[in-house]
């Protein structure tokens, strides 16, 4: 009799967990990309790089990097290097502004879409 009760409970548990509704996964509309980093620094400037994980479904208008000695650089207040169009899976841009080696420079990548 104990075996029958265990079998019924096991069957009920399997049925309960197998009947859970699957969630609909919507495709991303916004691009998803990695952290910006400094690729190279030399006398002619500094090269920034980032990786794109997913482009999303929105039209990409431009991409680039914003950098500053202040934390949280922004397009409105900081130095910007940008390019028009859709980047490759990895994108790199060079800022020709000479940056001194030593002080911390904060950098962020951005991708501007048509649905800003």
C-alpha atoms as a PDB file:
ATOM      1  CA  UNK A   1       0.000   0.000   0.000  1.00  0.00           C
ATOM      2  CA  UNK A   2       2.846   2.445   0.766  1.00  0.00           C
ATOM      3  CA  UNK A   3       4.275   1.895  -2.706  1.00  0.00           C
ATOM      4  CA  UNK A   4       0.949   2.817  -4.280  1.00  0.00           C
ATOM      5  CA  UNK A   5       0.736   6.067  -2.261  1.00  0.00           C
ATOM      6  CA  UNK A   6       4.303   7.004  -3.177  1.00  0.00           C
ATOM      7  CA  UNK A   7       3.613   6.283  -6.864  1.00  0.00           C
ATOM      8  CA  UNK A   8       0.460   8.448  -6.825  1.00  0.00           C
ATOM      9  CA  UNK A   9       2.291  11.321  -5.104  1.00  0.00           C
ATOM     10  CA  UNK A  10       5.186  11.047  -7.551  1.00  0.00           C
ATOM     11  CA  UNK A  11       2.818  11.047 -10.541  1.00  0.00           C
ATOM     12  CA  UNK A  12       0.945  14.055  -9.120  1.00  0.00           C
ATOM     13  CA  UNK A  13       4.227  15.959  -8.590  1.00  0.00           C
ATOM     14  CA  UNK A  14       5.407  15.216 -12.138  1.00  0.00           C
ATOM     15  CA  UNK A  15       2.058  16.338 -13.567  1.00  0.00           C
ATOM     16  CA  UNK A  16       2.071  19.518 -11.487  1.00  0.00           C
ATOM     17  CA  UNK A  17       5.560  20.586 -12.549  1.00  0.00           C
ATOM     18  CA  UNK A  18       5.203  19.550 -16.191  1.00  0.00           C
ATOM     19  CA  UNK A  19       2.038  21.630 -16.665  1.00  0.00           C
ATOM     20  CA  UNK A  20       3.645  24.973 -15.862  1.00  0.00           C
ATOM     21  CA  UNK A  21       3.035  27.566 -18.568  1.00  0.00           C
ATOM     22  CA  UNK A  22       6.082  28.469 -20.624  1.00  0.00           C
ATOM     23  CA  UNK A  23       6.778  32.190 -20.728  1.00  0.00           C
ATOM     24  CA  UNK A  24       6.893  33.898 -24.092  1.00  0.00           C
ATOM     25  CA  UNK A  25      10.361  35.281 -24.699  1.00  0.00           C
ATOM     26  CA  UNK A  26      10.149  38.488 -26.696  1.00  0.00           C
ATOM     27  CA  UNK A  27      13.048  39.415 -28.963  1.00  0.00           C
ATOM     28  CA  UNK A  28      15.078  42.385 -27.771  1.00  0.00           C
ATOM     29  CA  UNK A  29      14.327  45.687 -29.455  1.00  0.00           C
ATOM     30  CA  UNK A  30      17.295  47.562 -27.958  1.00  0.00           C
ATOM     31  CA  UNK A  31      20.923  46.684 -28.654  1.00  0.00           C
ATOM     32  CA  UNK A  32      22.836  44.907 -25.883  1.00  0.00           C
ATOM     33  CA  UNK A  33      26.555  45.475 -25.696  1.00  0.00           C
ATOM     34  CA  UNK A  34      29.506  44.968 -23.378  1.00  0.00           C
ATOM     35  CA  UNK A  35      31.423  47.322 -21.180  1.00  0.00           C
ATOM     36  CA  UNK A  36      33.624  49.869 -22.905  1.00  0.00           C
ATOM     37  CA  UNK A  37      37.327  49.522 -22.306  1.00  0.00           C
ATOM     38  CA  UNK A  38      40.557  51.211 -23.319  1.00  0.00           C
ATOM     39  CA  UNK A  39      42.225  49.261 -26.104  1.00  0.00           C
ATOM     40  CA  UNK A  40      45.357  51.339 -26.631  1.00  0.00           C
ATOM     41  CA  UNK A  41      46.932  54.634 -25.520  1.00  0.00           C
ATOM     42  CA  UNK A  42      49.700  56.321 -27.483  1.00  0.00           C
ATOM     43  CA  UNK A  43      50.890  59.815 -28.403  1.00  0.00           C
ATOM     44  CA  UNK A  44      48.189  60.194 -31.070  1.00  0.00           C
ATOM     45  CA  UNK A  45      45.275  59.451 -28.730  1.00  0.00           C
ATOM     46  CA  UNK A  46      43.345  56.655 -27.078  1.00  0.00           C
ATOM     47  CA  UNK A  47      41.437  53.792 -28.657  1.00  0.00           C
ATOM     48  CA  UNK A  48      38.225  52.554 -26.993  1.00  0.00           C
ATOM     49  CA  UNK A  49      36.490  49.244 -27.727  1.00  0.00           C
ATOM     50  CA  UNK A  50      33.250  47.397 -26.901  1.00  0.00           C
ATOM     51  CA  UNK A  51      31.470  44.194 -27.963  1.00  0.00           C
ATOM     52  CA  UNK A  52      27.895  43.947 -29.224  1.00  0.00           C
ATOM     53  CA  UNK A  53      26.005  40.902 -27.933  1.00  0.00           C
ATOM     54  CA  UNK A  54      22.710  41.618 -29.696  1.00  0.00           C
ATOM     55  CA  UNK A  55      21.735  44.343 -32.176  1.00  0.00           C
ATOM     56  CA  UNK A  56      18.009  44.289 -31.430  1.00  0.00           C
ATOM     57  CA  UNK A  57      15.315  45.154 -33.938  1.00  0.00           C
ATOM     58  CA  UNK A  58      15.521  48.963 -33.911  1.00  0.00           C
ATOM     59  CA  UNK A  59      17.464  50.851 -36.572  1.00  0.00           C
ATOM     60  CA  UNK A  60      20.918  51.871 -35.300  1.00  0.00           C
ATOM     61  CA  UNK A  61      21.832  55.448 -36.232  1.00  0.00           C
ATOM     62  CA  UNK A  62      25.221  55.902 -34.549  1.00  0.00           C
ATOM     63  CA  UNK A  63      27.551  54.458 -31.956  1.00  0.00           C
ATOM     64  CA  UNK A  64      30.543  55.584 -29.986  1.00  0.00           C
ATOM     65  CA  UNK A  65      32.140  56.333 -26.665  1.00  0.00           C
ATOM     66  CA  UNK A  66      31.842  59.101 -24.132  1.00  0.00           C
ATOM     67  CA  UNK A  67      34.746  59.759 -21.749  1.00  0.00           C
ATOM     68  CA  UNK A  68      35.640  62.109 -18.916  1.00  0.00           C
ATOM     69  CA  UNK A  69      37.727  62.438 -15.769  1.00  0.00           C
ATOM     70  CA  UNK A  70      34.448  62.795 -13.863  1.00  0.00           C
ATOM     71  CA  UNK A  71      32.513  59.656 -12.956  1.00  0.00           C
ATOM     72  CA  UNK A  72      29.434  58.871 -15.108  1.00  0.00           C
ATOM     73  CA  UNK A  73      30.395  60.586 -18.371  1.00  0.00           C
ATOM     74  CA  UNK A  74      27.482  61.830 -20.473  1.00  0.00           C
ATOM     75  CA  UNK A  75      27.032  62.862 -24.095  1.00  0.00           C
ATOM     76  CA  UNK A  76      25.908  66.332 -23.002  1.00  0.00           C
ATOM     77  CA  UNK A  77      28.870  67.150 -20.704  1.00  0.00           C
ATOM     78  CA  UNK A  78      31.808  64.940 -21.694  1.00  0.00           C
ATOM     79  CA  UNK A  79      34.109  64.283 -24.647  1.00  0.00           C
ATOM     80  CA  UNK A  80      32.601  62.067 -27.334  1.00  0.00           C
ATOM     81  CA  UNK A  81      33.969  60.032 -30.222  1.00  0.00           C
ATOM     82  CA  UNK A  82      31.291  58.612 -32.537  1.00  0.00           C
ATOM     83  CA  UNK A  83      30.579  57.035 -35.895  1.00  0.00           C
ATOM     84  CA  UNK A  84      27.437  56.935 -38.035  1.00  0.00           C
ATOM     85  CA  UNK A  85      25.640  53.688 -38.877  1.00  0.00           C
ATOM     86  CA  UNK A  86      25.610  50.210 -37.411  1.00  0.00           C
ATOM     87  CA  UNK A  87      28.816  48.935 -35.758  1.00  0.00           C
ATOM     88  CA  UNK A  88      30.339  45.524 -36.215  1.00  0.00           C
ATOM     89  CA  UNK A  89      30.145  42.828 -33.543  1.00  0.00           C
ATOM     90  CA  UNK A  90      33.178  44.524 -31.956  1.00  0.00           C
ATOM     91  CA  UNK A  91      33.615  48.236 -32.406  1.00  0.00           C
ATOM     92  CA  UNK A  92      36.657  50.393 -31.793  1.00  0.00           C
ATOM     93  CA  UNK A  93      37.045  54.139 -32.173  1.00  0.00           C
ATOM     94  CA  UNK A  94      40.038  56.361 -31.553  1.00  0.00           C
ATOM     95  CA  UNK A  95      39.825  59.684 -29.748  1.00  0.00           C
ATOM     96  CA  UNK A  96      42.604  61.897 -31.059  1.00  0.00           C
ATOM     97  CA  UNK A  97      42.613  63.985 -27.893  1.00  0.00           C
ATOM     98  CA  UNK A  98      45.872  63.249 -26.103  1.00  0.00           C
ATOM     99  CA  UNK A  99      45.174  61.845 -22.637  1.00  0.00           C
ATOM    100  CA  UNK A 100      47.815  61.838 -19.954  1.00  0.00           C
ATOM    101  CA  UNK A 101      48.716  58.456 -18.562  1.00  0.00           C
ATOM    102  CA  UNK A 102      47.868  58.432 -14.869  1.00  0.00           C
ATOM    103  CA  UNK A 103      44.567  60.139 -14.054  1.00  0.00           C
ATOM    104  CA  UNK A 104      41.524  57.878 -14.170  1.00  0.00           C
ATOM    105  CA  UNK A 105      39.402  58.280 -17.278  1.00  0.00           C
ATOM    106  CA  UNK A 106      35.813  57.015 -17.144  1.00  0.00           C
ATOM    107  CA  UNK A 107      34.453  55.707 -20.427  1.00  0.00           C
ATOM    108  CA  UNK A 108      31.057  54.423 -21.546  1.00  0.00           C
ATOM    109  CA  UNK A 109      29.943  52.992 -24.876  1.00  0.00           C
ATOM    110  CA  UNK A 110      26.675  54.065 -26.481  1.00  0.00           C
ATOM    111  CA  UNK A 111      24.484  53.025 -29.378  1.00  0.00           C
ATOM    112  CA  UNK A 112      21.834  55.461 -30.592  1.00  0.00           C
ATOM    113  CA  UNK A 113      18.732  53.956 -32.212  1.00  0.00           C
ATOM    114  CA  UNK A 114      15.809  55.433 -34.104  1.00  0.00           C
ATOM    115  CA  UNK A 115      13.608  54.864 -31.018  1.00  0.00           C
ATOM    116  CA  UNK A 116      15.595  57.146 -28.666  1.00  0.00           C
END
